Amino acid sequence: MTDIGVRRAITAERTELAELLAGLDAESWDAATLCRGWRVREVVAHITMPYRLSGARFGLEMVRAVGSFHRMADRVARRDAAELTAEDLLKSLWDNVAHPWRPPGGGFAGALSHDVIHGLDITVGLGLERKVPEDRLRIVLDAINPKSVKFFGVDLKGIELRADDVEWRYGSGEVLSGAAQHLLLVLCGRKLPAGTLHGADAQRFTRAR
C-alpha cells in the first residue's frame, strides 16, 4: 500500500479510537489495560506523546532515561497522565488524527502499528468488542519481523501463531491460535484474558484472573 493509503488508515484508526474514548466514563479512564501498570489514561498519554514532544525534548528525555526507550516512555506516560485530564488527552488525540508522526525506522506502517496495538491494549483490557478492520490489521501484520518481535522481548521459540479469522501465521512449532488481532498482542508480549487463545501453550500467554 502507498504512503497515502497508510496515512488514511492511520487517520481512520485514530478517529475511531477517539470516538470510543469519548464514550468512556471516568471510572474506565482509570481501569487497567494490557500494558502492565498502565491505566487507560497512561496508554492514551503514550499514544499522544509524539504530538507533544519535539525532537529536542525527546532526546532530553532519552538522556534522562539513560538511553532506555522503555524507561523513558513509562516515565513520560505516567507524568503526562498525572498532569493532563482525560479531556486534555482526548483533545490531543482528536487534534492529531492526521498527524504525520512516524517512529524512527518504522515509517507510516510503524505509526499505524503503534495506534492499533495500543488501541487493542485498551479495548481488550476493558473487554470491549472492537475488531480492527482487516485492511489496517494486514498492514500491521505485514510489518512484523524478528527485529520487531525482539523489541518486545517475547519468546516464541517452538510456537506457530495461526489466526483463525484471517489467513495469517507466524513462526513454526506448536500451534497457538486465536483472532489475528489477539495474536498480534502475543507478538508484543501481552498477556490476554482467559479463553482468548487456544493451544497447548495458551496458558503461558494468558493473564492471571
N, C-alpha and C. Protein backbone atom coordinates (compact mmCIF):
# COMPACT_ATOMS: atom_id res chain seq x y z
N MET A 1 0.84 -1.20 0.00
CA MET A 1 0.00 0.00 0.00
C MET A 1 0.88 1.25 0.00
N THR A 2 0.43 2.28 -0.66
CA THR A 2 1.18 3.53 -0.74
C THR A 2 1.13 4.25 0.60
N ASP A 3 2.05 5.21 0.78
CA ASP A 3 2.05 6.02 2.00
C ASP A 3 0.73 6.74 2.18
N ILE A 4 0.14 7.19 1.07
CA ILE A 4 -1.14 7.89 1.15
C ILE A 4 -2.20 6.96 1.73
N GLY A 5 -2.21 5.71 1.27
CA GLY A 5 -3.18 4.75 1.77
C GLY A 5 -2.98 4.44 3.24
N VAL A 6 -1.72 4.30 3.66
CA VAL A 6 -1.44 4.01 5.07
C VAL A 6 -1.82 5.20 5.94
N ARG A 7 -1.56 6.40 5.46
CA ARG A 7 -1.93 7.59 6.24
C ARG A 7 -3.45 7.71 6.39
N ARG A 8 -4.17 7.30 5.39
CA ARG A 8 -5.64 7.30 5.51
C ARG A 8 -6.06 6.29 6.57
N ALA A 9 -5.39 5.15 6.58
CA ALA A 9 -5.68 4.12 7.59
C ALA A 9 -5.38 4.64 8.99
N ILE A 10 -4.28 5.37 9.14
CA ILE A 10 -3.90 5.95 10.43
C ILE A 10 -4.97 6.92 10.91
N THR A 11 -5.39 7.80 10.02
CA THR A 11 -6.42 8.79 10.37
C THR A 11 -7.71 8.10 10.80
N ALA A 12 -8.10 7.07 10.06
CA ALA A 12 -9.33 6.35 10.39
C ALA A 12 -9.21 5.65 11.73
N GLU A 13 -8.05 5.03 11.99
CA GLU A 13 -7.85 4.31 13.24
C GLU A 13 -7.87 5.26 14.43
N ARG A 14 -7.19 6.38 14.32
CA ARG A 14 -7.17 7.34 15.42
C ARG A 14 -8.55 7.95 15.65
N THR A 15 -9.27 8.20 14.57
CA THR A 15 -10.61 8.77 14.69
C THR A 15 -11.53 7.81 15.42
N GLU A 16 -11.49 6.54 15.06
CA GLU A 16 -12.35 5.55 15.70
C GLU A 16 -11.97 5.36 17.16
N LEU A 17 -10.66 5.40 17.46
CA LEU A 17 -10.24 5.28 18.85
C LEU A 17 -10.71 6.49 19.66
N ALA A 18 -10.60 7.69 19.08
CA ALA A 18 -11.06 8.89 19.77
C ALA A 18 -12.56 8.81 20.05
N GLU A 19 -13.33 8.32 19.09
CA GLU A 19 -14.77 8.18 19.28
C GLU A 19 -15.07 7.19 20.42
N LEU A 20 -14.31 6.11 20.45
CA LEU A 20 -14.51 5.11 21.51
C LEU A 20 -14.17 5.72 22.87
N LEU A 21 -13.04 6.42 22.96
CA LEU A 21 -12.61 7.02 24.22
C LEU A 21 -13.60 8.07 24.70
N ALA A 22 -14.21 8.79 23.76
CA ALA A 22 -15.17 9.82 24.12
C ALA A 22 -16.38 9.24 24.84
N GLY A 23 -16.63 7.95 24.63
CA GLY A 23 -17.77 7.30 25.25
C GLY A 23 -17.48 6.64 26.58
N LEU A 24 -16.22 6.70 27.03
CA LEU A 24 -15.85 6.08 28.31
C LEU A 24 -16.21 6.98 29.48
N ASP A 25 -16.59 6.37 30.58
CA ASP A 25 -16.85 7.15 31.79
C ASP A 25 -15.54 7.34 32.57
N ALA A 26 -15.59 8.13 33.62
CA ALA A 26 -14.39 8.46 34.40
C ALA A 26 -13.75 7.21 35.00
N GLU A 27 -14.57 6.27 35.42
CA GLU A 27 -14.04 5.04 36.01
C GLU A 27 -13.22 4.24 34.99
N SER A 28 -13.67 4.21 33.76
CA SER A 28 -12.97 3.46 32.72
C SER A 28 -11.60 4.06 32.40
N TRP A 29 -11.47 5.37 32.49
CA TRP A 29 -10.18 6.01 32.24
C TRP A 29 -9.13 5.58 33.27
N ASP A 30 -9.60 5.12 34.41
CA ASP A 30 -8.68 4.65 35.45
C ASP A 30 -8.60 3.13 35.52
N ALA A 31 -9.20 2.46 34.55
CA ALA A 31 -9.18 1.00 34.51
C ALA A 31 -7.87 0.49 33.93
N ALA A 32 -7.50 -0.72 34.33
CA ALA A 32 -6.26 -1.34 33.85
C ALA A 32 -6.37 -1.73 32.38
N THR A 33 -5.25 -1.70 31.69
CA THR A 33 -5.16 -2.14 30.29
C THR A 33 -4.23 -3.33 30.21
N LEU A 34 -3.93 -3.78 29.00
CA LEU A 34 -2.98 -4.88 28.83
C LEU A 34 -1.54 -4.43 29.01
N CYS A 35 -1.28 -3.13 28.99
CA CYS A 35 0.06 -2.60 29.28
C CYS A 35 0.26 -2.65 30.79
N ARG A 36 1.16 -3.47 31.23
CA ARG A 36 1.34 -3.68 32.66
C ARG A 36 1.63 -2.37 33.39
N GLY A 37 0.80 -2.07 34.39
CA GLY A 37 0.98 -0.88 35.20
C GLY A 37 0.37 0.38 34.63
N TRP A 38 -0.20 0.28 33.44
CA TRP A 38 -0.80 1.46 32.79
C TRP A 38 -2.32 1.35 32.76
N ARG A 39 -2.96 2.43 33.19
CA ARG A 39 -4.40 2.55 33.03
C ARG A 39 -4.69 3.09 31.62
N VAL A 40 -5.97 3.27 31.33
CA VAL A 40 -6.33 3.83 30.02
C VAL A 40 -5.65 5.17 29.83
N ARG A 41 -5.62 6.01 30.86
CA ARG A 41 -5.06 7.35 30.70
C ARG A 41 -3.56 7.32 30.40
N GLU A 42 -2.82 6.37 30.96
CA GLU A 42 -1.40 6.27 30.63
C GLU A 42 -1.20 5.81 29.18
N VAL A 43 -2.04 4.90 28.73
CA VAL A 43 -1.92 4.43 27.34
C VAL A 43 -2.22 5.56 26.37
N VAL A 44 -3.26 6.33 26.65
CA VAL A 44 -3.59 7.45 25.76
C VAL A 44 -2.50 8.51 25.82
N ALA A 45 -1.93 8.72 27.01
CA ALA A 45 -0.82 9.67 27.12
C ALA A 45 0.35 9.21 26.26
N HIS A 46 0.58 7.89 26.23
CA HIS A 46 1.67 7.35 25.41
C HIS A 46 1.37 7.46 23.92
N ILE A 47 0.14 7.14 23.53
CA ILE A 47 -0.24 7.24 22.12
C ILE A 47 -0.02 8.66 21.61
N THR A 48 -0.36 9.64 22.44
CA THR A 48 -0.29 11.04 22.01
C THR A 48 1.04 11.71 22.34
N MET A 49 1.94 11.00 23.00
CA MET A 49 3.23 11.57 23.36
C MET A 49 3.98 12.17 22.17
N PRO A 50 4.02 11.51 21.01
CA PRO A 50 4.78 12.07 19.88
C PRO A 50 4.28 13.44 19.42
N TYR A 51 3.01 13.76 19.71
CA TYR A 51 2.46 15.04 19.28
C TYR A 51 2.90 16.18 20.21
N ARG A 52 3.32 15.82 21.43
CA ARG A 52 3.72 16.84 22.40
C ARG A 52 5.22 17.01 22.52
N LEU A 53 5.98 15.98 22.16
CA LEU A 53 7.43 16.01 22.32
C LEU A 53 8.14 16.43 21.03
N SER A 54 8.88 17.49 21.08
CA SER A 54 9.72 17.87 19.95
C SER A 54 10.91 16.91 19.88
N GLY A 55 11.64 16.97 18.78
CA GLY A 55 12.81 16.12 18.66
C GLY A 55 13.82 16.37 19.77
N ALA A 56 14.01 17.66 20.09
CA ALA A 56 14.97 18.01 21.14
C ALA A 56 14.50 17.51 22.50
N ARG A 57 13.22 17.65 22.78
CA ARG A 57 12.68 17.19 24.06
C ARG A 57 12.75 15.68 24.17
N PHE A 58 12.48 15.00 23.06
CA PHE A 58 12.58 13.54 23.04
C PHE A 58 14.01 13.12 23.39
N GLY A 59 14.99 13.78 22.77
CA GLY A 59 16.38 13.46 23.05
C GLY A 59 16.73 13.68 24.51
N LEU A 60 16.23 14.77 25.09
CA LEU A 60 16.48 15.06 26.50
C LEU A 60 15.88 13.99 27.40
N GLU A 61 14.65 13.57 27.08
CA GLU A 61 14.00 12.52 27.88
C GLU A 61 14.77 11.20 27.78
N MET A 62 15.33 10.91 26.61
CA MET A 62 16.12 9.69 26.45
C MET A 62 17.40 9.76 27.27
N VAL A 63 18.01 10.92 27.33
CA VAL A 63 19.22 11.09 28.15
C VAL A 63 18.86 10.85 29.62
N ARG A 64 17.76 11.41 30.07
CA ARG A 64 17.32 11.22 31.45
C ARG A 64 17.04 9.75 31.76
N ALA A 65 16.62 9.02 30.72
CA ALA A 65 16.31 7.60 30.90
C ALA A 65 17.54 6.73 30.61
N VAL A 66 18.70 7.33 30.50
CA VAL A 66 19.97 6.62 30.24
C VAL A 66 19.86 5.76 28.98
N GLY A 67 19.20 6.30 27.96
CA GLY A 67 19.13 5.62 26.68
C GLY A 67 18.08 4.53 26.55
N SER A 68 17.30 4.30 27.59
CA SER A 68 16.28 3.26 27.53
C SER A 68 14.95 3.83 27.08
N PHE A 69 14.49 3.43 25.88
CA PHE A 69 13.21 3.93 25.39
C PHE A 69 12.07 3.48 26.30
N HIS A 70 12.10 2.23 26.75
CA HIS A 70 11.02 1.72 27.60
C HIS A 70 10.93 2.52 28.89
N ARG A 71 12.07 2.83 29.49
CA ARG A 71 12.07 3.60 30.73
C ARG A 71 11.56 5.02 30.48
N MET A 72 12.01 5.61 29.37
CA MET A 72 11.57 6.95 29.03
C MET A 72 10.06 6.99 28.78
N ALA A 73 9.56 6.04 27.99
CA ALA A 73 8.14 6.02 27.64
C ALA A 73 7.27 5.85 28.88
N ASP A 74 7.71 5.00 29.80
CA ASP A 74 6.94 4.77 31.02
C ASP A 74 6.89 6.04 31.87
N ARG A 75 8.03 6.69 32.04
CA ARG A 75 8.08 7.88 32.87
C ARG A 75 7.23 9.01 32.28
N VAL A 76 7.36 9.22 30.98
CA VAL A 76 6.61 10.31 30.34
C VAL A 76 5.11 10.01 30.38
N ALA A 77 4.72 8.77 30.14
CA ALA A 77 3.30 8.42 30.17
C ALA A 77 2.70 8.65 31.56
N ARG A 78 3.43 8.24 32.58
CA ARG A 78 2.93 8.43 33.95
C ARG A 78 2.86 9.91 34.31
N ARG A 79 3.86 10.66 33.90
CA ARG A 79 3.88 12.09 34.19
C ARG A 79 2.73 12.81 33.48
N ASP A 80 2.58 12.54 32.18
CA ASP A 80 1.53 13.22 31.41
C ASP A 80 0.14 12.80 31.88
N ALA A 81 -0.02 11.54 32.26
CA ALA A 81 -1.32 11.06 32.73
C ALA A 81 -1.70 11.72 34.05
N ALA A 82 -0.70 12.08 34.84
CA ALA A 82 -0.95 12.75 36.11
C ALA A 82 -1.24 14.24 35.92
N GLU A 83 -0.60 14.84 34.93
CA GLU A 83 -0.72 16.28 34.73
C GLU A 83 -1.89 16.68 33.83
N LEU A 84 -2.28 15.80 32.91
CA LEU A 84 -3.34 16.11 31.96
C LEU A 84 -4.63 15.40 32.32
N THR A 85 -5.75 16.05 32.09
CA THR A 85 -7.04 15.42 32.35
C THR A 85 -7.40 14.48 31.19
N ALA A 86 -8.42 13.68 31.40
CA ALA A 86 -8.90 12.80 30.33
C ALA A 86 -9.34 13.65 29.13
N GLU A 87 -9.94 14.79 29.41
CA GLU A 87 -10.37 15.69 28.33
C GLU A 87 -9.18 16.23 27.55
N ASP A 88 -8.10 16.57 28.26
CA ASP A 88 -6.88 17.05 27.61
C ASP A 88 -6.30 15.97 26.69
N LEU A 89 -6.24 14.76 27.21
CA LEU A 89 -5.65 13.65 26.45
C LEU A 89 -6.49 13.33 25.21
N LEU A 90 -7.80 13.34 25.39
CA LEU A 90 -8.69 13.07 24.26
C LEU A 90 -8.57 14.16 23.20
N LYS A 91 -8.49 15.41 23.63
CA LYS A 91 -8.33 16.51 22.68
C LYS A 91 -7.02 16.38 21.91
N SER A 92 -5.96 15.93 22.60
CA SER A 92 -4.67 15.74 21.94
C SER A 92 -4.79 14.72 20.82
N LEU A 93 -5.58 13.67 21.06
CA LEU A 93 -5.78 12.67 20.01
C LEU A 93 -6.64 13.22 18.88
N TRP A 94 -7.74 13.88 19.22
CA TRP A 94 -8.62 14.45 18.19
C TRP A 94 -7.88 15.44 17.31
N ASP A 95 -7.06 16.27 17.94
CA ASP A 95 -6.35 17.32 17.19
C ASP A 95 -5.27 16.76 16.27
N ASN A 96 -4.93 15.49 16.45
CA ASN A 96 -3.80 14.93 15.71
C ASN A 96 -4.12 13.64 14.96
N VAL A 97 -5.38 13.47 14.59
CA VAL A 97 -5.75 12.23 13.90
C VAL A 97 -5.02 12.08 12.57
N ALA A 98 -4.59 13.18 11.99
CA ALA A 98 -3.88 13.12 10.71
C ALA A 98 -2.41 13.54 10.86
N HIS A 99 -1.92 13.52 12.08
CA HIS A 99 -0.53 13.93 12.34
C HIS A 99 0.45 13.03 11.57
N PRO A 100 1.48 13.59 10.95
CA PRO A 100 2.41 12.80 10.13
C PRO A 100 3.54 12.11 10.90
N TRP A 101 3.40 12.00 12.22
CA TRP A 101 4.46 11.35 13.01
C TRP A 101 4.76 9.93 12.52
N ARG A 102 6.03 9.59 12.50
CA ARG A 102 6.49 8.23 12.19
C ARG A 102 7.57 7.84 13.18
N PRO A 103 7.52 6.64 13.74
CA PRO A 103 8.57 6.21 14.65
C PRO A 103 9.87 6.03 13.89
N PRO A 104 11.01 6.29 14.51
CA PRO A 104 12.30 6.14 13.82
C PRO A 104 12.45 4.76 13.19
N GLY A 105 12.65 4.73 11.88
CA GLY A 105 12.84 3.47 11.17
C GLY A 105 11.57 2.69 10.92
N GLY A 106 10.43 3.19 11.39
CA GLY A 106 9.19 2.43 11.25
C GLY A 106 8.27 2.89 10.15
N GLY A 107 8.47 4.11 9.67
CA GLY A 107 7.61 4.63 8.61
C GLY A 107 6.17 4.76 9.06
N PHE A 108 5.29 5.00 8.10
CA PHE A 108 3.88 5.16 8.43
C PHE A 108 3.26 3.84 8.90
N ALA A 109 3.76 2.71 8.41
CA ALA A 109 3.27 1.42 8.89
C ALA A 109 3.56 1.27 10.38
N GLY A 110 4.72 1.79 10.80
CA GLY A 110 5.06 1.75 12.22
C GLY A 110 4.14 2.62 13.05
N ALA A 111 3.75 3.77 12.50
CA ALA A 111 2.81 4.65 13.21
C ALA A 111 1.45 3.97 13.35
N LEU A 112 1.00 3.31 12.28
CA LEU A 112 -0.28 2.60 12.34
C LEU A 112 -0.20 1.46 13.36
N SER A 113 0.92 0.74 13.36
CA SER A 113 1.10 -0.35 14.33
C SER A 113 1.00 0.18 15.75
N HIS A 114 1.63 1.31 16.01
CA HIS A 114 1.61 1.94 17.33
C HIS A 114 0.17 2.20 17.76
N ASP A 115 -0.63 2.77 16.87
CA ASP A 115 -2.01 3.10 17.21
C ASP A 115 -2.87 1.85 17.38
N VAL A 116 -2.71 0.88 16.48
CA VAL A 116 -3.52 -0.34 16.55
C VAL A 116 -3.21 -1.14 17.81
N ILE A 117 -1.94 -1.34 18.09
CA ILE A 117 -1.54 -2.15 19.25
C ILE A 117 -2.02 -1.52 20.55
N HIS A 118 -1.78 -0.22 20.71
CA HIS A 118 -2.19 0.42 21.96
C HIS A 118 -3.70 0.60 22.05
N GLY A 119 -4.36 0.72 20.89
CA GLY A 119 -5.81 0.72 20.92
C GLY A 119 -6.34 -0.61 21.43
N LEU A 120 -5.71 -1.70 21.01
CA LEU A 120 -6.10 -3.03 21.48
C LEU A 120 -5.78 -3.21 22.96
N ASP A 121 -4.69 -2.61 23.42
CA ASP A 121 -4.38 -2.66 24.85
C ASP A 121 -5.56 -2.14 25.66
N ILE A 122 -6.20 -1.11 25.13
CA ILE A 122 -7.34 -0.52 25.82
C ILE A 122 -8.60 -1.37 25.65
N THR A 123 -8.97 -1.66 24.41
CA THR A 123 -10.25 -2.34 24.17
C THR A 123 -10.26 -3.76 24.72
N VAL A 124 -9.20 -4.51 24.51
CA VAL A 124 -9.15 -5.88 25.04
C VAL A 124 -9.05 -5.84 26.56
N GLY A 125 -8.27 -4.91 27.08
CA GLY A 125 -8.14 -4.79 28.52
C GLY A 125 -9.46 -4.47 29.20
N LEU A 126 -10.29 -3.68 28.54
CA LEU A 126 -11.58 -3.30 29.10
C LEU A 126 -12.70 -4.26 28.71
N GLY A 127 -12.36 -5.25 27.89
CA GLY A 127 -13.37 -6.22 27.47
C GLY A 127 -14.36 -5.67 26.47
N LEU A 128 -13.93 -4.67 25.68
CA LEU A 128 -14.80 -4.08 24.68
C LEU A 128 -14.69 -4.84 23.37
N GLU A 129 -15.81 -5.02 22.71
CA GLU A 129 -15.85 -5.76 21.45
C GLU A 129 -15.54 -4.83 20.28
N ARG A 130 -14.29 -4.67 19.97
CA ARG A 130 -13.92 -3.88 18.80
C ARG A 130 -12.95 -4.68 17.94
N LYS A 131 -13.30 -4.84 16.69
CA LYS A 131 -12.45 -5.57 15.76
C LYS A 131 -11.76 -4.58 14.83
N VAL A 132 -10.44 -4.63 14.79
CA VAL A 132 -9.69 -3.76 13.90
C VAL A 132 -9.99 -4.17 12.46
N PRO A 133 -10.35 -3.24 11.60
CA PRO A 133 -10.63 -3.59 10.20
C PRO A 133 -9.47 -4.36 9.58
N GLU A 134 -9.80 -5.38 8.80
CA GLU A 134 -8.77 -6.28 8.29
C GLU A 134 -7.72 -5.58 7.44
N ASP A 135 -8.13 -4.58 6.66
CA ASP A 135 -7.15 -3.92 5.80
C ASP A 135 -6.07 -3.22 6.63
N ARG A 136 -6.47 -2.63 7.75
CA ARG A 136 -5.49 -1.98 8.63
C ARG A 136 -4.64 -3.03 9.34
N LEU A 137 -5.31 -4.07 9.81
CA LEU A 137 -4.58 -5.12 10.53
C LEU A 137 -3.55 -5.78 9.63
N ARG A 138 -3.87 -5.94 8.35
CA ARG A 138 -2.94 -6.55 7.40
C ARG A 138 -1.65 -5.73 7.27
N ILE A 139 -1.80 -4.41 7.25
CA ILE A 139 -0.62 -3.55 7.16
C ILE A 139 0.29 -3.79 8.36
N VAL A 140 -0.31 -3.89 9.53
CA VAL A 140 0.46 -4.10 10.75
C VAL A 140 1.11 -5.48 10.76
N LEU A 141 0.35 -6.50 10.42
CA LEU A 141 0.88 -7.87 10.42
C LEU A 141 2.00 -8.04 9.40
N ASP A 142 1.86 -7.39 8.26
CA ASP A 142 2.88 -7.50 7.22
C ASP A 142 4.19 -6.83 7.63
N ALA A 143 4.12 -5.93 8.61
CA ALA A 143 5.31 -5.22 9.06
C ALA A 143 6.06 -5.99 10.16
N ILE A 144 5.47 -7.08 10.66
CA ILE A 144 6.10 -7.87 11.73
C ILE A 144 7.34 -8.58 11.19
N ASN A 145 8.41 -8.52 11.94
CA ASN A 145 9.64 -9.22 11.59
C ASN A 145 10.38 -9.58 12.87
N PRO A 146 11.41 -10.42 12.80
CA PRO A 146 12.13 -10.83 14.02
C PRO A 146 12.64 -9.66 14.85
N LYS A 147 13.03 -8.59 14.20
CA LYS A 147 13.54 -7.43 14.93
C LYS A 147 12.45 -6.80 15.79
N SER A 148 11.25 -6.67 15.22
CA SER A 148 10.16 -6.05 15.98
C SER A 148 9.72 -6.96 17.13
N VAL A 149 9.74 -8.27 16.92
CA VAL A 149 9.39 -9.20 17.99
C VAL A 149 10.44 -9.13 19.11
N LYS A 150 11.70 -9.04 18.74
CA LYS A 150 12.78 -8.93 19.72
C LYS A 150 12.63 -7.67 20.56
N PHE A 151 12.14 -6.59 19.95
CA PHE A 151 11.95 -5.33 20.66
C PHE A 151 11.05 -5.51 21.87
N PHE A 152 10.04 -6.37 21.72
CA PHE A 152 9.10 -6.59 22.82
C PHE A 152 9.57 -7.68 23.78
N GLY A 153 10.63 -8.37 23.44
CA GLY A 153 11.21 -9.35 24.35
C GLY A 153 10.39 -10.62 24.56
N VAL A 154 9.53 -10.96 23.62
CA VAL A 154 8.70 -12.15 23.77
C VAL A 154 9.40 -13.37 23.20
N ASP A 155 9.32 -14.49 23.89
CA ASP A 155 9.94 -15.74 23.46
C ASP A 155 8.89 -16.61 22.77
N LEU A 156 9.03 -16.76 21.46
CA LEU A 156 8.08 -17.56 20.69
C LEU A 156 8.74 -18.79 20.08
N LYS A 157 9.88 -19.18 20.63
CA LYS A 157 10.58 -20.34 20.10
C LYS A 157 9.71 -21.59 20.23
N GLY A 158 9.58 -22.32 19.11
CA GLY A 158 8.79 -23.54 19.11
C GLY A 158 7.30 -23.33 19.04
N ILE A 159 6.87 -22.11 18.68
CA ILE A 159 5.44 -21.80 18.61
C ILE A 159 5.08 -21.20 17.25
N GLU A 160 3.99 -21.68 16.68
CA GLU A 160 3.44 -21.08 15.47
C GLU A 160 2.15 -20.36 15.83
N LEU A 161 2.10 -19.08 15.57
CA LEU A 161 0.87 -18.32 15.75
C LEU A 161 0.04 -18.50 14.49
N ARG A 162 -1.20 -18.91 14.66
CA ARG A 162 -2.05 -19.16 13.49
C ARG A 162 -3.42 -18.53 13.71
N ALA A 163 -3.74 -17.54 12.90
CA ALA A 163 -5.03 -16.84 13.04
C ALA A 163 -6.17 -17.75 12.58
N ASP A 164 -7.29 -17.65 13.30
CA ASP A 164 -8.45 -18.46 12.91
C ASP A 164 -9.55 -17.61 12.27
N ASP A 165 -9.25 -16.32 12.04
CA ASP A 165 -10.26 -15.47 11.41
C ASP A 165 -9.78 -14.89 10.07
N VAL A 166 -8.48 -14.89 9.83
CA VAL A 166 -7.92 -14.47 8.54
C VAL A 166 -6.77 -15.42 8.21
N GLU A 167 -6.30 -15.36 6.98
CA GLU A 167 -5.19 -16.22 6.57
C GLU A 167 -3.88 -15.56 7.00
N TRP A 168 -3.35 -16.01 8.12
CA TRP A 168 -2.08 -15.45 8.61
C TRP A 168 -1.47 -16.40 9.64
N ARG A 169 -0.14 -16.53 9.56
CA ARG A 169 0.59 -17.33 10.55
C ARG A 169 1.99 -16.76 10.71
N TYR A 170 2.59 -17.07 11.84
CA TYR A 170 3.94 -16.58 12.11
C TYR A 170 4.67 -17.60 12.97
N GLY A 171 5.91 -17.92 12.58
CA GLY A 171 6.72 -18.86 13.34
C GLY A 171 6.45 -20.30 12.97
N SER A 172 7.04 -21.21 13.74
CA SER A 172 6.84 -22.63 13.49
C SER A 172 6.91 -23.39 14.80
N GLY A 173 6.14 -24.47 14.87
CA GLY A 173 6.13 -25.28 16.07
C GLY A 173 4.72 -25.57 16.53
N GLU A 174 4.51 -25.68 17.84
CA GLU A 174 3.20 -25.93 18.42
C GLU A 174 2.26 -24.78 18.08
N VAL A 175 1.06 -25.11 17.61
CA VAL A 175 0.13 -24.07 17.15
C VAL A 175 -0.56 -23.38 18.33
N LEU A 176 -0.50 -22.05 18.30
CA LEU A 176 -1.26 -21.20 19.22
C LEU A 176 -2.20 -20.40 18.34
N SER A 177 -3.49 -20.59 18.50
CA SER A 177 -4.45 -19.96 17.61
C SER A 177 -5.34 -18.95 18.33
N GLY A 178 -5.96 -18.11 17.52
CA GLY A 178 -6.85 -17.08 18.04
C GLY A 178 -7.09 -16.06 16.95
N ALA A 179 -7.83 -15.03 17.26
CA ALA A 179 -8.04 -13.95 16.29
C ALA A 179 -6.72 -13.28 15.98
N ALA A 180 -6.55 -12.84 14.74
CA ALA A 180 -5.28 -12.23 14.33
C ALA A 180 -4.90 -11.06 15.22
N GLN A 181 -5.86 -10.23 15.61
CA GLN A 181 -5.51 -9.07 16.42
C GLN A 181 -5.06 -9.49 17.82
N HIS A 182 -5.53 -10.62 18.30
CA HIS A 182 -5.07 -11.11 19.60
C HIS A 182 -3.67 -11.73 19.49
N LEU A 183 -3.40 -12.39 18.38
CA LEU A 183 -2.06 -12.94 18.16
C LEU A 183 -1.04 -11.82 17.99
N LEU A 184 -1.47 -10.70 17.41
CA LEU A 184 -0.60 -9.53 17.32
C LEU A 184 -0.17 -9.09 18.71
N LEU A 185 -1.08 -9.13 19.64
CA LEU A 185 -0.76 -8.75 21.02
C LEU A 185 0.21 -9.74 21.66
N VAL A 186 0.08 -11.01 21.32
CA VAL A 186 1.04 -12.00 21.81
C VAL A 186 2.44 -11.64 21.32
N LEU A 187 2.54 -11.26 20.05
CA LEU A 187 3.83 -10.85 19.48
C LEU A 187 4.42 -9.66 20.23
N CYS A 188 3.56 -8.87 20.84
CA CYS A 188 4.00 -7.68 21.58
C CYS A 188 4.21 -7.97 23.06
N GLY A 189 4.14 -9.24 23.43
CA GLY A 189 4.42 -9.60 24.81
C GLY A 189 3.28 -9.41 25.78
N ARG A 190 2.06 -9.25 25.28
CA ARG A 190 0.93 -9.05 26.17
C ARG A 190 0.37 -10.37 26.68
N LYS A 191 -0.20 -10.34 27.87
CA LYS A 191 -0.94 -11.48 28.42
C LYS A 191 -2.42 -11.19 28.20
N LEU A 192 -3.15 -12.16 27.67
CA LEU A 192 -4.53 -11.94 27.26
C LEU A 192 -5.53 -12.59 28.21
N PRO A 193 -6.79 -12.16 28.16
CA PRO A 193 -7.81 -12.74 29.03
C PRO A 193 -8.00 -14.23 28.76
N ALA A 194 -8.40 -14.95 29.77
CA ALA A 194 -8.62 -16.39 29.65
C ALA A 194 -9.63 -16.68 28.55
N GLY A 195 -9.37 -17.74 27.77
CA GLY A 195 -10.27 -18.15 26.71
C GLY A 195 -10.05 -17.45 25.39
N THR A 196 -9.13 -16.49 25.35
CA THR A 196 -8.87 -15.75 24.11
C THR A 196 -8.04 -16.57 23.14
N LEU A 197 -7.09 -17.34 23.67
CA LEU A 197 -6.16 -18.12 22.85
C LEU A 197 -6.43 -19.61 23.01
N HIS A 198 -5.98 -20.38 22.01
CA HIS A 198 -6.20 -21.83 22.05
C HIS A 198 -4.93 -22.57 21.63
N GLY A 199 -4.65 -23.65 22.35
CA GLY A 199 -3.46 -24.43 22.07
C GLY A 199 -2.78 -24.85 23.36
N ALA A 200 -1.83 -25.76 23.24
CA ALA A 200 -1.16 -26.30 24.41
C ALA A 200 -0.45 -25.22 25.24
N ASP A 201 0.01 -24.16 24.58
CA ASP A 201 0.75 -23.11 25.28
C ASP A 201 -0.10 -21.88 25.60
N ALA A 202 -1.42 -22.00 25.45
CA ALA A 202 -2.29 -20.83 25.64
C ALA A 202 -2.13 -20.22 27.03
N GLN A 203 -2.02 -21.07 28.05
CA GLN A 203 -1.94 -20.56 29.42
C GLN A 203 -0.72 -19.68 29.64
N ARG A 204 0.34 -19.97 28.92
CA ARG A 204 1.58 -19.21 29.03
C ARG A 204 1.39 -17.75 28.63
N PHE A 205 0.42 -17.49 27.75
CA PHE A 205 0.18 -16.14 27.26
C PHE A 205 -1.15 -15.59 27.76
N THR A 206 -1.65 -16.18 28.84
CA THR A 206 -2.91 -15.77 29.44
C THR A 206 -2.64 -15.09 30.78
N ARG A 207 -3.30 -13.98 31.03
CA ARG A 207 -3.08 -13.26 32.27
C ARG A 207 -3.84 -13.90 33.41
N ALA A 208 -3.32 -13.73 34.61
CA ALA A 208 -3.97 -14.26 35.79
C ALA A 208 -5.28 -13.52 36.03
N ARG A 209 -6.24 -14.19 36.55
CA ARG A 209 -7.54 -13.56 36.80
C ARG A 209 -7.42 -12.52 37.90
